[in-house]
Amino acid sequence: MHDENGFRQHANEMRAHFEAELPHRVTRASRVKLQHFIPAHWFAMAASECAGMYIAGFFYGAISLAQAYVGALSQYLAEHHHVPVRKDTVERCRRLHRNSVISDAAMDAALTILDGRNDFHHLNRGIEQDFQRLEARAEQCINLIHTLESEVFAYSSTNDAPGQVVLAKPDYWPSDGPGLAQVHLRQLW
């Protein structure tokens, strides 16, 4: 059983904190480039959380998760294209580029996101601690994810049927049959 007064007090404090942060969240949300759907692979939900973490002001988490996402995405692409997989994500991205799986822009985006990976994943002493720099870095990572996704998971609208899309690389998308794709829908919150 919980204390009703304590519950109300916590709810009021949380509401006040959220409302004070709301203008900052809206500003950050307006800076996010978001691909509104991606294939429903095992990494889709985590990839979507990156933007939410950035908007909420969880910059370490957004950066670390963006770096993990690049690892998962590059692993998926390497397996899909039978590119020898290495544990080193940077080398794997370079191999994908050499094998023309990803473009110069996609490789640059991946390598920029991965920059400082060990500092963020291991919380090394040299990790960035300046709030404004962390926010800028998180924003950069989130928007570079869009660069990657808009190439790897490219799609376009069709004029023939409203709401129907044409997938540039349908074999990247799980399917339940011809003309169908399993997708992960996204929105900014």
N, C-alpha and C. Protein backbone atom coordinates (compact mmCIF):
# COMPACT_ATOMS: atom_id res chain seq x y z
N MET A 1 0.84 -1.17 0.00
CA MET A 1 0.00 0.00 0.00
C MET A 1 0.89 1.23 0.00
N HIS A 2 0.52 2.24 -0.79
CA HIS A 2 1.35 3.44 -0.84
C HIS A 2 0.69 4.59 -0.10
N ASP A 3 1.51 5.51 0.31
CA ASP A 3 1.05 6.71 1.01
C ASP A 3 0.45 7.65 -0.02
N GLU A 4 -0.85 7.93 0.10
CA GLU A 4 -1.56 8.77 -0.88
C GLU A 4 -0.96 10.16 -0.98
N ASN A 5 -0.58 10.77 0.12
CA ASN A 5 0.02 12.11 0.08
C ASN A 5 1.39 12.09 -0.59
N GLY A 6 2.17 11.06 -0.27
CA GLY A 6 3.48 10.93 -0.90
C GLY A 6 3.35 10.70 -2.40
N PHE A 7 2.35 9.91 -2.78
CA PHE A 7 2.10 9.65 -4.20
C PHE A 7 1.75 10.95 -4.92
N ARG A 8 0.83 11.72 -4.37
CA ARG A 8 0.44 13.00 -4.98
C ARG A 8 1.62 13.96 -5.06
N GLN A 9 2.41 14.00 -4.01
CA GLN A 9 3.57 14.89 -4.01
C GLN A 9 4.54 14.50 -5.12
N HIS A 10 4.83 13.21 -5.25
CA HIS A 10 5.73 12.75 -6.32
C HIS A 10 5.14 13.06 -7.69
N ALA A 11 3.85 12.84 -7.84
CA ALA A 11 3.19 13.12 -9.12
C ALA A 11 3.28 14.60 -9.46
N ASN A 12 3.05 15.45 -8.48
CA ASN A 12 3.12 16.91 -8.72
C ASN A 12 4.54 17.35 -9.05
N GLU A 13 5.53 16.78 -8.35
CA GLU A 13 6.93 17.12 -8.64
C GLU A 13 7.32 16.65 -10.04
N MET A 14 6.90 15.46 -10.39
CA MET A 14 7.23 14.94 -11.73
C MET A 14 6.54 15.77 -12.82
N ARG A 15 5.29 16.14 -12.60
CA ARG A 15 4.56 16.96 -13.57
C ARG A 15 5.24 18.32 -13.74
N ALA A 16 5.62 18.94 -12.63
CA ALA A 16 6.28 20.25 -12.68
C ALA A 16 7.61 20.15 -13.42
N HIS A 17 8.36 19.09 -13.16
CA HIS A 17 9.64 18.90 -13.83
C HIS A 17 9.42 18.70 -15.33
N PHE A 18 8.46 17.87 -15.70
CA PHE A 18 8.17 17.64 -17.11
C PHE A 18 7.75 18.93 -17.80
N GLU A 19 6.87 19.68 -17.18
CA GLU A 19 6.39 20.92 -17.79
C GLU A 19 7.51 21.94 -17.93
N ALA A 20 8.42 21.98 -16.98
CA ALA A 20 9.56 22.89 -17.09
C ALA A 20 10.48 22.47 -18.23
N GLU A 21 10.61 21.18 -18.47
CA GLU A 21 11.47 20.66 -19.54
C GLU A 21 10.80 20.66 -20.91
N LEU A 22 9.49 20.77 -20.97
CA LEU A 22 8.76 20.63 -22.22
C LEU A 22 9.25 21.55 -23.34
N PRO A 23 9.49 22.83 -23.10
CA PRO A 23 9.99 23.67 -24.20
C PRO A 23 11.33 23.18 -24.77
N HIS A 24 12.20 22.66 -23.90
CA HIS A 24 13.48 22.13 -24.36
C HIS A 24 13.27 20.86 -25.18
N ARG A 25 12.35 20.02 -24.75
CA ARG A 25 12.04 18.79 -25.48
C ARG A 25 11.49 19.11 -26.87
N VAL A 26 10.59 20.08 -26.92
CA VAL A 26 10.00 20.46 -28.22
C VAL A 26 11.08 21.01 -29.14
N THR A 27 11.98 21.82 -28.60
CA THR A 27 13.08 22.36 -29.41
C THR A 27 13.95 21.23 -29.94
N ARG A 28 14.30 20.28 -29.07
CA ARG A 28 15.12 19.16 -29.54
C ARG A 28 14.36 18.31 -30.57
N ALA A 29 13.09 18.07 -30.34
CA ALA A 29 12.29 17.28 -31.29
C ALA A 29 12.27 17.95 -32.67
N SER A 30 12.25 19.27 -32.70
CA SER A 30 12.21 19.98 -33.99
C SER A 30 13.52 19.85 -34.75
N ARG A 31 14.58 19.42 -34.07
CA ARG A 31 15.89 19.27 -34.71
C ARG A 31 16.15 17.85 -35.23
N VAL A 32 15.24 16.93 -34.93
CA VAL A 32 15.45 15.53 -35.28
C VAL A 32 14.94 15.23 -36.68
N LYS A 33 15.80 14.61 -37.47
CA LYS A 33 15.39 14.04 -38.75
C LYS A 33 15.05 12.59 -38.46
N LEU A 34 13.86 12.17 -38.85
CA LEU A 34 13.42 10.84 -38.49
C LEU A 34 12.84 10.13 -39.70
N GLN A 35 13.31 8.93 -39.93
CA GLN A 35 12.69 8.07 -40.94
C GLN A 35 11.49 7.43 -40.24
N HIS A 36 10.31 7.62 -40.80
CA HIS A 36 9.09 7.26 -40.08
C HIS A 36 8.82 5.77 -39.98
N PHE A 37 9.47 4.98 -40.78
CA PHE A 37 9.43 3.54 -40.54
C PHE A 37 10.68 2.89 -41.09
N ILE A 38 11.04 1.83 -40.40
CA ILE A 38 12.20 1.02 -40.77
C ILE A 38 11.78 -0.43 -40.68
N PRO A 39 12.59 -1.36 -41.20
CA PRO A 39 12.22 -2.78 -41.10
C PRO A 39 12.12 -3.23 -39.64
N ALA A 40 11.25 -4.17 -39.41
CA ALA A 40 11.02 -4.69 -38.05
C ALA A 40 12.05 -5.75 -37.70
N HIS A 41 13.31 -5.34 -37.67
CA HIS A 41 14.39 -6.24 -37.24
C HIS A 41 14.55 -6.13 -35.73
N TRP A 42 15.39 -6.98 -35.16
CA TRP A 42 15.61 -7.01 -33.72
C TRP A 42 16.12 -5.68 -33.17
N PHE A 43 16.73 -4.87 -33.99
CA PHE A 43 17.31 -3.61 -33.52
C PHE A 43 16.40 -2.41 -33.73
N ALA A 44 15.22 -2.59 -34.31
CA ALA A 44 14.35 -1.47 -34.68
C ALA A 44 13.88 -0.67 -33.47
N MET A 45 13.43 -1.33 -32.43
CA MET A 45 12.92 -0.60 -31.27
C MET A 45 14.03 0.18 -30.58
N ALA A 46 15.19 -0.42 -30.45
CA ALA A 46 16.31 0.27 -29.82
C ALA A 46 16.73 1.47 -30.66
N ALA A 47 16.74 1.30 -31.97
CA ALA A 47 17.10 2.42 -32.86
C ALA A 47 16.12 3.58 -32.66
N SER A 48 14.86 3.26 -32.49
CA SER A 48 13.85 4.30 -32.31
C SER A 48 14.00 5.00 -30.96
N GLU A 49 14.48 4.28 -29.96
CA GLU A 49 14.67 4.90 -28.65
C GLU A 49 15.75 5.97 -28.66
N CYS A 50 16.68 5.91 -29.61
CA CYS A 50 17.75 6.91 -29.66
C CYS A 50 17.16 8.32 -29.73
N ALA A 51 16.23 8.53 -30.63
CA ALA A 51 15.63 9.86 -30.78
C ALA A 51 14.89 10.26 -29.51
N GLY A 52 14.16 9.33 -28.92
CA GLY A 52 13.44 9.64 -27.69
C GLY A 52 14.35 10.02 -26.55
N MET A 53 15.48 9.35 -26.46
CA MET A 53 16.44 9.67 -25.40
C MET A 53 17.03 11.06 -25.61
N TYR A 54 17.35 11.39 -26.85
CA TYR A 54 17.87 12.73 -27.14
C TYR A 54 16.83 13.79 -26.79
N ILE A 55 15.59 13.58 -27.21
CA ILE A 55 14.53 14.56 -26.95
C ILE A 55 14.34 14.74 -25.45
N ALA A 56 14.39 13.64 -24.70
CA ALA A 56 14.20 13.69 -23.24
C ALA A 56 15.40 14.27 -22.51
N GLY A 57 16.52 14.46 -23.21
CA GLY A 57 17.70 15.02 -22.57
C GLY A 57 18.64 14.00 -21.99
N PHE A 58 18.50 12.73 -22.39
CA PHE A 58 19.39 11.67 -21.94
C PHE A 58 20.48 11.48 -22.98
N PHE A 59 21.46 12.37 -22.95
CA PHE A 59 22.43 12.46 -24.03
C PHE A 59 23.45 11.32 -24.03
N TYR A 60 23.93 10.92 -22.85
CA TYR A 60 24.85 9.79 -22.80
C TYR A 60 24.17 8.55 -23.38
N GLY A 61 22.94 8.32 -22.97
CA GLY A 61 22.20 7.17 -23.45
C GLY A 61 21.95 7.23 -24.95
N ALA A 62 21.60 8.40 -25.46
CA ALA A 62 21.33 8.55 -26.89
C ALA A 62 22.59 8.26 -27.70
N ILE A 63 23.71 8.77 -27.25
CA ILE A 63 24.98 8.56 -27.96
C ILE A 63 25.37 7.08 -27.91
N SER A 64 25.33 6.49 -26.72
CA SER A 64 25.72 5.09 -26.57
C SER A 64 24.81 4.17 -27.37
N LEU A 65 23.52 4.43 -27.34
CA LEU A 65 22.59 3.59 -28.08
C LEU A 65 22.75 3.77 -29.58
N ALA A 66 23.04 4.98 -30.03
CA ALA A 66 23.31 5.22 -31.45
C ALA A 66 24.54 4.41 -31.88
N GLN A 67 25.55 4.38 -31.05
CA GLN A 67 26.75 3.61 -31.37
C GLN A 67 26.45 2.12 -31.40
N ALA A 68 25.66 1.64 -30.47
CA ALA A 68 25.27 0.22 -30.47
C ALA A 68 24.44 -0.11 -31.71
N TYR A 69 23.59 0.82 -32.10
CA TYR A 69 22.75 0.62 -33.29
C TYR A 69 23.61 0.49 -34.54
N VAL A 70 24.63 1.31 -34.66
CA VAL A 70 25.53 1.19 -35.82
C VAL A 70 26.18 -0.19 -35.82
N GLY A 71 26.54 -0.68 -34.65
CA GLY A 71 27.09 -2.03 -34.55
C GLY A 71 26.11 -3.08 -35.03
N ALA A 72 24.86 -3.00 -34.58
CA ALA A 72 23.85 -3.98 -34.98
C ALA A 72 23.52 -3.87 -36.47
N LEU A 73 23.37 -2.66 -36.95
CA LEU A 73 23.04 -2.45 -38.37
C LEU A 73 24.17 -2.96 -39.26
N SER A 74 25.40 -2.64 -38.89
CA SER A 74 26.53 -3.10 -39.71
C SER A 74 26.65 -4.63 -39.65
N GLN A 75 26.36 -5.22 -38.52
CA GLN A 75 26.36 -6.68 -38.39
C GLN A 75 25.30 -7.28 -39.32
N TYR A 76 24.10 -6.70 -39.30
CA TYR A 76 23.03 -7.18 -40.18
C TYR A 76 23.45 -7.10 -41.64
N LEU A 77 23.97 -5.94 -42.05
CA LEU A 77 24.37 -5.77 -43.45
C LEU A 77 25.50 -6.72 -43.84
N ALA A 78 26.45 -6.90 -42.95
CA ALA A 78 27.57 -7.80 -43.24
C ALA A 78 27.06 -9.24 -43.42
N GLU A 79 26.19 -9.68 -42.56
CA GLU A 79 25.64 -11.03 -42.68
C GLU A 79 24.80 -11.15 -43.95
N HIS A 80 23.97 -10.16 -44.22
CA HIS A 80 23.09 -10.18 -45.40
C HIS A 80 23.89 -10.26 -46.70
N HIS A 81 25.01 -9.55 -46.74
CA HIS A 81 25.83 -9.49 -47.97
C HIS A 81 27.03 -10.43 -47.93
N HIS A 82 27.11 -11.27 -46.91
CA HIS A 82 28.19 -12.25 -46.78
C HIS A 82 29.57 -11.57 -46.79
N VAL A 83 29.63 -10.44 -46.11
CA VAL A 83 30.90 -9.73 -45.94
C VAL A 83 31.50 -10.28 -44.65
N PRO A 84 32.76 -10.72 -44.70
CA PRO A 84 33.37 -11.27 -43.47
C PRO A 84 33.20 -10.30 -42.29
N VAL A 85 32.63 -10.81 -41.23
CA VAL A 85 32.30 -9.99 -40.06
C VAL A 85 33.47 -9.97 -39.10
N ARG A 86 33.80 -8.81 -38.63
CA ARG A 86 34.82 -8.62 -37.61
C ARG A 86 34.15 -8.07 -36.37
N LYS A 87 34.79 -8.28 -35.24
CA LYS A 87 34.26 -7.71 -34.01
C LYS A 87 34.40 -6.20 -33.98
N ASP A 88 35.37 -5.67 -34.70
CA ASP A 88 35.61 -4.24 -34.75
C ASP A 88 34.58 -3.59 -35.68
N THR A 89 33.66 -2.82 -35.10
CA THR A 89 32.57 -2.22 -35.88
C THR A 89 33.10 -1.23 -36.90
N VAL A 90 34.14 -0.49 -36.57
CA VAL A 90 34.71 0.48 -37.53
C VAL A 90 35.23 -0.27 -38.75
N GLU A 91 35.98 -1.34 -38.54
CA GLU A 91 36.50 -2.11 -39.66
C GLU A 91 35.36 -2.74 -40.45
N ARG A 92 34.32 -3.21 -39.76
CA ARG A 92 33.18 -3.79 -40.46
C ARG A 92 32.52 -2.76 -41.37
N CYS A 93 32.38 -1.53 -40.90
CA CYS A 93 31.79 -0.47 -41.73
C CYS A 93 32.67 -0.17 -42.94
N ARG A 94 33.98 -0.18 -42.72
CA ARG A 94 34.89 0.05 -43.85
C ARG A 94 34.80 -1.07 -44.87
N ARG A 95 34.66 -2.30 -44.41
CA ARG A 95 34.50 -3.43 -45.33
C ARG A 95 33.20 -3.32 -46.11
N LEU A 96 32.14 -2.93 -45.44
CA LEU A 96 30.86 -2.73 -46.13
C LEU A 96 30.99 -1.67 -47.21
N HIS A 97 31.73 -0.63 -46.92
CA HIS A 97 31.96 0.42 -47.90
C HIS A 97 32.80 -0.10 -49.07
N ARG A 98 33.89 -0.81 -48.76
CA ARG A 98 34.74 -1.37 -49.82
C ARG A 98 33.97 -2.33 -50.73
N ASN A 99 32.98 -3.02 -50.16
CA ASN A 99 32.16 -3.95 -50.93
C ASN A 99 30.93 -3.27 -51.55
N SER A 100 30.90 -1.95 -51.52
CA SER A 100 29.81 -1.15 -52.12
C SER A 100 28.44 -1.44 -51.52
N VAL A 101 28.41 -1.86 -50.27
CA VAL A 101 27.14 -2.06 -49.58
C VAL A 101 26.62 -0.73 -49.06
N ILE A 102 27.54 0.12 -48.59
CA ILE A 102 27.16 1.46 -48.14
C ILE A 102 28.00 2.49 -48.89
N SER A 103 27.45 3.68 -49.02
CA SER A 103 28.11 4.76 -49.75
C SER A 103 29.14 5.47 -48.88
N ASP A 104 29.84 6.41 -49.47
CA ASP A 104 30.79 7.25 -48.72
C ASP A 104 30.06 7.96 -47.58
N ALA A 105 28.89 8.55 -47.90
CA ALA A 105 28.14 9.32 -46.89
C ALA A 105 27.70 8.43 -45.73
N ALA A 106 27.25 7.21 -46.03
CA ALA A 106 26.81 6.30 -44.97
C ALA A 106 28.00 5.85 -44.12
N MET A 107 29.12 5.57 -44.76
CA MET A 107 30.29 5.18 -43.98
C MET A 107 30.75 6.33 -43.10
N ASP A 108 30.80 7.54 -43.65
CA ASP A 108 31.20 8.69 -42.84
C ASP A 108 30.26 8.89 -41.66
N ALA A 109 28.95 8.71 -41.90
CA ALA A 109 27.98 8.86 -40.82
C ALA A 109 28.24 7.81 -39.73
N ALA A 110 28.44 6.57 -40.15
CA ALA A 110 28.69 5.49 -39.18
C ALA A 110 29.96 5.76 -38.37
N LEU A 111 31.02 6.15 -39.05
CA LEU A 111 32.29 6.39 -38.34
C LEU A 111 32.21 7.58 -37.41
N THR A 112 31.46 8.60 -37.79
CA THR A 112 31.28 9.76 -36.92
C THR A 112 30.50 9.38 -35.67
N ILE A 113 29.45 8.58 -35.83
CA ILE A 113 28.69 8.11 -34.67
C ILE A 113 29.58 7.29 -33.75
N LEU A 114 30.42 6.44 -34.33
CA LEU A 114 31.27 5.54 -33.54
C LEU A 114 32.44 6.24 -32.87
N ASP A 115 32.75 7.46 -33.28
CA ASP A 115 33.87 8.19 -32.71
C ASP A 115 33.70 8.30 -31.18
N GLY A 116 34.71 7.92 -30.45
CA GLY A 116 34.67 7.97 -28.99
C GLY A 116 33.85 6.86 -28.36
N ARG A 117 33.58 5.81 -29.13
CA ARG A 117 32.74 4.71 -28.65
C ARG A 117 33.22 4.15 -27.31
N ASN A 118 34.50 3.89 -27.19
CA ASN A 118 35.00 3.30 -25.94
C ASN A 118 34.79 4.22 -24.75
N ASP A 119 34.95 5.52 -24.95
CA ASP A 119 34.72 6.45 -23.84
C ASP A 119 33.28 6.37 -23.35
N PHE A 120 32.32 6.29 -24.29
CA PHE A 120 30.92 6.25 -23.90
C PHE A 120 30.51 4.89 -23.35
N HIS A 121 30.99 3.82 -23.93
CA HIS A 121 30.58 2.50 -23.48
C HIS A 121 31.25 2.08 -22.18
N HIS A 122 32.42 2.62 -21.90
CA HIS A 122 33.15 2.23 -20.70
C HIS A 122 33.24 3.36 -19.68
N LEU A 123 32.61 4.49 -20.01
CA LEU A 123 32.66 5.68 -19.14
C LEU A 123 34.09 5.99 -18.70
N ASN A 124 34.97 6.05 -19.67
CA ASN A 124 36.36 6.38 -19.39
C ASN A 124 36.47 7.78 -18.81
N ARG A 125 37.57 8.03 -18.14
CA ARG A 125 37.77 9.32 -17.47
C ARG A 125 37.69 10.50 -18.43
N GLY A 126 38.07 10.30 -19.67
CA GLY A 126 38.08 11.40 -20.63
C GLY A 126 36.74 11.69 -21.28
N ILE A 127 35.68 11.04 -20.84
CA ILE A 127 34.37 11.22 -21.47
C ILE A 127 33.89 12.66 -21.33
N GLU A 128 33.24 13.12 -22.36
CA GLU A 128 32.71 14.49 -22.36
C GLU A 128 31.75 14.69 -21.19
N GLN A 129 31.87 15.84 -20.54
CA GLN A 129 30.97 16.14 -19.42
C GLN A 129 30.27 17.47 -19.58
N ASP A 130 30.64 18.24 -20.58
CA ASP A 130 29.99 19.52 -20.83
C ASP A 130 28.60 19.26 -21.42
N PHE A 131 27.57 19.74 -20.75
CA PHE A 131 26.18 19.46 -21.13
C PHE A 131 25.87 19.92 -22.56
N GLN A 132 26.32 21.10 -22.92
CA GLN A 132 26.02 21.62 -24.26
C GLN A 132 26.73 20.81 -25.34
N ARG A 133 27.94 20.39 -25.08
CA ARG A 133 28.65 19.55 -26.06
C ARG A 133 28.01 18.18 -26.17
N LEU A 134 27.57 17.63 -25.04
CA LEU A 134 26.87 16.35 -25.07
C LEU A 134 25.58 16.45 -25.87
N GLU A 135 24.85 17.52 -25.66
CA GLU A 135 23.60 17.71 -26.40
C GLU A 135 23.88 17.80 -27.90
N ALA A 136 24.89 18.57 -28.28
CA ALA A 136 25.24 18.71 -29.70
C ALA A 136 25.69 17.37 -30.29
N ARG A 137 26.46 16.62 -29.53
CA ARG A 137 26.94 15.31 -30.00
C ARG A 137 25.78 14.34 -30.17
N ALA A 138 24.86 14.34 -29.20
CA ALA A 138 23.69 13.46 -29.29
C ALA A 138 22.83 13.84 -30.51
N GLU A 139 22.62 15.12 -30.73
CA GLU A 139 21.85 15.57 -31.89
C GLU A 139 22.54 15.12 -33.19
N GLN A 140 23.84 15.27 -33.24
CA GLN A 140 24.60 14.84 -34.42
C GLN A 140 24.39 13.35 -34.66
N CYS A 141 24.52 12.54 -33.61
CA CYS A 141 24.35 11.08 -33.75
C CYS A 141 22.96 10.74 -34.26
N ILE A 142 21.94 11.35 -33.69
CA ILE A 142 20.56 11.05 -34.08
C ILE A 142 20.35 11.39 -35.55
N ASN A 143 20.84 12.51 -35.99
CA ASN A 143 20.63 12.90 -37.38
C ASN A 143 21.51 12.11 -38.34
N LEU A 144 22.65 11.63 -37.87
CA LEU A 144 23.46 10.75 -38.72
C LEU A 144 22.81 9.37 -38.86
N ILE A 145 22.06 8.96 -37.86
CA ILE A 145 21.28 7.72 -38.00
C ILE A 145 20.32 7.88 -39.17
N HIS A 146 19.72 9.05 -39.29
CA HIS A 146 18.81 9.30 -40.42
C HIS A 146 19.56 9.17 -41.74
N THR A 147 20.79 9.67 -41.79
CA THR A 147 21.60 9.54 -43.00
C THR A 147 21.77 8.07 -43.37
N LEU A 148 22.09 7.25 -42.38
CA LEU A 148 22.26 5.81 -42.61
C LEU A 148 20.94 5.16 -43.05
N GLU A 149 19.90 5.40 -42.28
CA GLU A 149 18.63 4.73 -42.55
C GLU A 149 18.02 5.17 -43.88
N SER A 150 18.16 6.44 -44.23
CA SER A 150 17.55 6.90 -45.47
C SER A 150 18.24 6.30 -46.69
N GLU A 151 19.45 5.81 -46.50
CA GLU A 151 20.13 5.10 -47.59
C GLU A 151 19.84 3.60 -47.52
N VAL A 152 20.11 3.01 -46.39
CA VAL A 152 19.99 1.56 -46.26
C VAL A 152 18.54 1.11 -46.38
N PHE A 153 17.63 1.83 -45.75
CA PHE A 153 16.22 1.46 -45.74
C PHE A 153 15.38 2.46 -46.55
N ALA A 154 15.92 2.85 -47.69
CA ALA A 154 15.25 3.85 -48.53
C ALA A 154 13.91 3.33 -49.05
N TYR A 155 12.99 4.25 -49.17
CA TYR A 155 11.69 3.97 -49.76
C TYR A 155 11.16 5.25 -50.39
N SER A 156 10.17 5.10 -51.24
CA SER A 156 9.53 6.27 -51.84
C SER A 156 8.04 6.01 -51.92
N SER A 157 7.30 7.09 -52.04
CA SER A 157 5.84 6.98 -52.17
C SER A 157 5.50 6.70 -53.62
N THR A 158 4.35 6.12 -53.81
CA THR A 158 3.89 5.85 -55.16
C THR A 158 2.62 6.65 -55.42
N ASN A 159 2.46 7.13 -56.62
CA ASN A 159 1.26 7.87 -56.99
C ASN A 159 0.11 6.93 -57.33
N ASP A 160 0.43 5.66 -57.60
CA ASP A 160 -0.59 4.70 -58.01
C ASP A 160 -1.57 4.37 -56.89
N ALA A 161 -1.07 4.24 -55.69
CA ALA A 161 -1.93 3.88 -54.56
C ALA A 161 -1.52 4.71 -53.34
N PRO A 162 -2.39 5.61 -52.89
CA PRO A 162 -2.05 6.43 -51.71
C PRO A 162 -1.69 5.56 -50.51
N GLY A 163 -0.64 5.94 -49.83
CA GLY A 163 -0.20 5.21 -48.65
C GLY A 163 0.70 4.02 -48.95
N GLN A 164 0.85 3.70 -50.20
CA GLN A 164 1.72 2.58 -50.57
C GLN A 164 3.12 3.11 -50.83
N VAL A 165 4.11 2.34 -50.45
CA VAL A 165 5.49 2.76 -50.67
C VAL A 165 6.23 1.71 -51.49
N VAL A 166 7.29 2.17 -52.12
CA VAL A 166 8.16 1.29 -52.89
C VAL A 166 9.48 1.22 -52.13
N LEU A 167 9.89 0.03 -51.75
CA LEU A 167 11.14 -0.16 -51.02
C LEU A 167 12.28 -0.26 -52.01
N ALA A 168 13.33 0.52 -51.78
CA ALA A 168 14.49 0.48 -52.67
C ALA A 168 15.20 -0.88 -52.61
N LYS A 169 15.28 -1.45 -51.42
CA LYS A 169 15.93 -2.76 -51.23
C LYS A 169 14.99 -3.65 -50.43
N PRO A 170 13.97 -4.21 -51.08
CA PRO A 170 12.97 -4.99 -50.34
C PRO A 170 13.55 -6.19 -49.60
N ASP A 171 14.68 -6.71 -50.04
CA ASP A 171 15.26 -7.86 -49.35
C ASP A 171 15.80 -7.51 -47.96
N TYR A 172 15.92 -6.23 -47.65
CA TYR A 172 16.34 -5.81 -46.31
C TYR A 172 15.17 -5.83 -45.32
N TRP A 173 13.95 -5.96 -45.82
CA TRP A 173 12.77 -5.85 -44.98
C TRP A 173 12.16 -7.23 -44.77
N PRO A 174 11.92 -7.65 -43.51
CA PRO A 174 11.23 -8.92 -43.29
C PRO A 174 9.86 -8.87 -43.98
N SER A 175 9.43 -10.01 -44.51
CA SER A 175 8.19 -10.02 -45.28
C SER A 175 7.31 -11.19 -44.91
N ASP A 176 6.02 -10.96 -45.01
CA ASP A 176 5.05 -12.04 -44.81
C ASP A 176 4.49 -12.53 -46.13
N GLY A 177 5.09 -12.09 -47.21
CA GLY A 177 4.64 -12.52 -48.53
C GLY A 177 4.92 -11.45 -49.57
N PRO A 178 4.64 -11.76 -50.84
CA PRO A 178 4.91 -10.79 -51.92
C PRO A 178 4.19 -9.46 -51.69
N GLY A 179 4.94 -8.40 -51.83
CA GLY A 179 4.38 -7.06 -51.69
C GLY A 179 4.14 -6.63 -50.25
N LEU A 180 4.56 -7.43 -49.28
CA LEU A 180 4.35 -7.11 -47.88
C LEU A 180 5.69 -6.94 -47.17
N ALA A 181 5.73 -6.04 -46.21
CA ALA A 181 6.93 -5.84 -45.41
C ALA A 181 6.54 -5.61 -43.97
N GLN A 182 7.31 -6.18 -43.07
CA GLN A 182 7.10 -5.93 -41.64
C GLN A 182 7.87 -4.66 -41.29
N VAL A 183 7.16 -3.69 -40.72
CA VAL A 183 7.78 -2.40 -40.44
C VAL A 183 7.65 -2.05 -38.97
N HIS A 184 8.53 -1.18 -38.56
CA HIS A 184 8.49 -0.59 -37.22
C HIS A 184 8.15 0.89 -37.44
N LEU A 185 6.97 1.30 -36.98
CA LEU A 185 6.53 2.69 -37.14
C LEU A 185 7.12 3.56 -36.05
N ARG A 186 7.40 4.80 -36.41
CA ARG A 186 8.01 5.73 -35.45
C ARG A 186 7.28 7.05 -35.44
N GLN A 187 7.36 7.68 -34.30
CA GLN A 187 6.90 9.06 -34.18
C GLN A 187 7.73 9.72 -33.08
N LEU A 188 7.78 11.02 -33.14
CA LEU A 188 8.50 11.74 -32.09
C LEU A 188 7.55 11.95 -30.93
N TRP A 189 8.03 11.77 -29.74
CA TRP A 189 7.21 11.98 -28.56
C TRP A 189 7.85 12.95 -27.63
